[in-house]
Protein backbone atom coordinates (compact mmCIF):
# COMPACT_ATOMS: atom_id res chain seq x y z
CA UNK A 1 86.51 61.08 209.06
CA UNK A 2 89.90 60.04 207.70
CA UNK A 3 91.88 61.98 210.39
CA UNK A 4 91.29 62.01 214.30
CA UNK A 5 93.02 65.52 214.02
CA UNK A 6 91.73 68.70 213.48
CA UNK A 7 92.24 69.82 209.48
CA UNK A 8 92.08 73.69 209.05
CA UNK A 9 92.08 73.40 205.45
CA UNK A 10 92.16 71.35 202.49
CA UNK A 11 94.48 71.99 199.63
CA UNK A 12 94.58 70.44 196.29
CA UNK A 13 97.83 70.40 194.31
CA UNK A 14 96.21 70.61 190.51
CA UNK A 15 99.46 69.56 189.10
CA UNK A 16 99.58 65.44 188.50
CA UNK A 17 101.94 64.27 191.29
CA UNK A 18 104.29 61.03 191.18
CA UNK A 19 102.72 58.49 193.36
CA UNK A 20 106.62 57.26 193.87
CA UNK A 21 106.82 60.53 196.31
CA UNK A 22 107.33 60.43 199.80
CA UNK A 23 106.67 62.78 202.99
CA UNK A 24 109.80 64.84 202.62
CA UNK A 25 109.10 65.30 198.62
CA UNK A 26 105.21 65.62 198.99
CA UNK A 27 106.43 68.53 201.82
CA UNK A 28 108.81 69.91 198.95
CA UNK A 29 105.93 70.69 196.96
CA UNK A 30 103.86 72.28 199.30
CA UNK A 31 106.70 74.62 200.18
CA UNK A 32 108.30 75.20 196.83
CA UNK A 33 105.13 74.85 194.76
CA UNK A 34 102.24 76.02 196.54
CA UNK A 35 104.30 78.44 199.07
CA UNK A 36 102.76 76.75 202.37
CA UNK A 37 104.08 75.10 205.37
CA UNK A 38 102.88 71.83 205.80
CA UNK A 39 103.22 71.97 209.74
CA UNK A 40 100.23 73.87 210.15
CA UNK A 41 97.85 71.51 210.31
CA UNK A 42 96.30 71.60 206.83
CA UNK A 43 95.68 68.95 204.23
CA UNK A 44 97.36 68.54 201.38
CA UNK A 45 95.62 66.66 198.42
CA UNK A 46 97.94 65.27 195.72
CA UNK A 47 96.67 63.04 192.46
CA UNK A 48 98.70 61.13 189.64
CA UNK A 49 98.29 62.33 186.01
CA UNK A 50 96.04 58.89 185.26
CA UNK A 51 93.63 60.01 187.99
CA UNK A 52 93.35 56.93 189.90
CA UNK A 53 95.96 57.24 192.62
CA UNK A 54 95.08 59.59 195.46
CA UNK A 55 97.74 60.98 198.14
CA UNK A 56 96.95 62.97 201.55
CA UNK A 57 99.50 64.57 203.48
CA UNK A 58 98.53 65.53 207.16
CA UNK A 59 100.56 67.33 209.87
CA UNK A 60 99.18 65.93 213.27
CA UNK A 61 101.35 68.07 215.51
CA UNK A 62 103.92 64.44 216.42
CA UNK A 63 104.52 64.05 212.81
CA UNK A 64 103.49 63.47 209.31
CA UNK A 65 100.13 60.97 208.24
CA UNK A 66 100.20 59.86 204.52
CA UNK A 67 96.82 58.76 203.21
CA UNK A 68 96.84 56.64 199.90
CA UNK A 69 94.32 55.21 197.92
CA UNK A 70 94.46 53.26 194.33
CA UNK A 71 91.15 52.99 192.29
CA UNK A 72 91.09 49.32 191.00
CA UNK A 73 88.15 51.11 187.97
CA UNK A 74 87.58 54.79 187.52
CA UNK A 75 89.12 57.81 187.75
CA UNK A 76 89.14 60.76 190.52
CA UNK A 77 87.84 64.19 189.54
CA UNK A 78 90.22 67.00 189.73
CA UNK A 79 88.52 70.41 190.10
CA UNK A 80 90.09 73.55 187.96
CA UNK A 81 92.35 75.72 190.43
CA UNK A 82 94.16 78.68 190.39
CA UNK A 83 97.99 78.80 190.61
CA UNK A 84 98.59 74.93 190.84
CA UNK A 85 96.25 74.93 194.35
CA UNK A 86 92.53 74.64 194.65
CA UNK A 87 91.19 75.27 198.58
CA UNK A 88 88.51 72.91 198.96
CA UNK A 89 86.32 71.88 201.82
CA UNK A 90 85.74 68.62 203.51
CA UNK A 91 82.61 67.89 201.78
CA UNK A 92 84.10 68.18 198.11
CA UNK A 93 87.23 65.90 199.56
CA UNK A 94 84.56 63.47 200.41
CA UNK A 95 82.78 63.59 197.24
CA UNK A 96 85.91 62.89 195.17
CA UNK A 97 86.89 60.11 197.02
CA UNK A 98 83.50 58.94 196.56
CA UNK A 99 83.50 59.12 192.50
CA UNK A 100 80.82 62.18 193.11
CA UNK A 101 80.79 65.18 189.93
CA UNK A 102 81.42 67.77 191.56
CA UNK A 103 79.65 69.94 188.74
CA UNK A 104 76.49 68.04 189.33
CA UNK A 105 76.23 68.73 193.21
CA UNK A 106 73.22 71.07 193.85
CA UNK A 107 73.12 72.60 197.65
CA UNK A 108 69.56 73.93 198.58
CA UNK A 109 69.92 76.98 200.25
CA UNK A 110 70.26 77.06 204.16
CA UNK A 111 70.23 79.62 206.81
CA UNK A 112 73.48 80.73 207.94
CA UNK A 113 74.19 82.91 210.91
CA UNK A 114 76.60 85.86 210.27
CA UNK A 115 78.41 86.89 213.66
CA UNK A 116 79.46 90.45 212.63
CA UNK A 117 82.06 92.20 215.16
CA UNK A 118 81.12 95.34 217.39
CA UNK A 119 84.30 98.13 217.37
């Protein structure tokens, strides 16, 4: 995994981002555009207009970590989102980083145990 720390949720900012932005500017996008707190342990993902650069912002309890990657060839897929933000899974993030087309991924059904609270 990219981060040793636990990530609660993954949010992809669907608007294109200037990759010159640093931690404070990215936190501003998280607060003002996504209406979320960057201090809750969620991972925020930003992609540039040419879709060949990606930045991820994560609060790790004692400071922010930023992961940055620039592709030498190819582009990242940007899933469609509502309200400037798409919540994705860790698996989808790995697919995006590996260049897998998300629409082509088909998962076979698996058993999942659902827990029901008794009142």
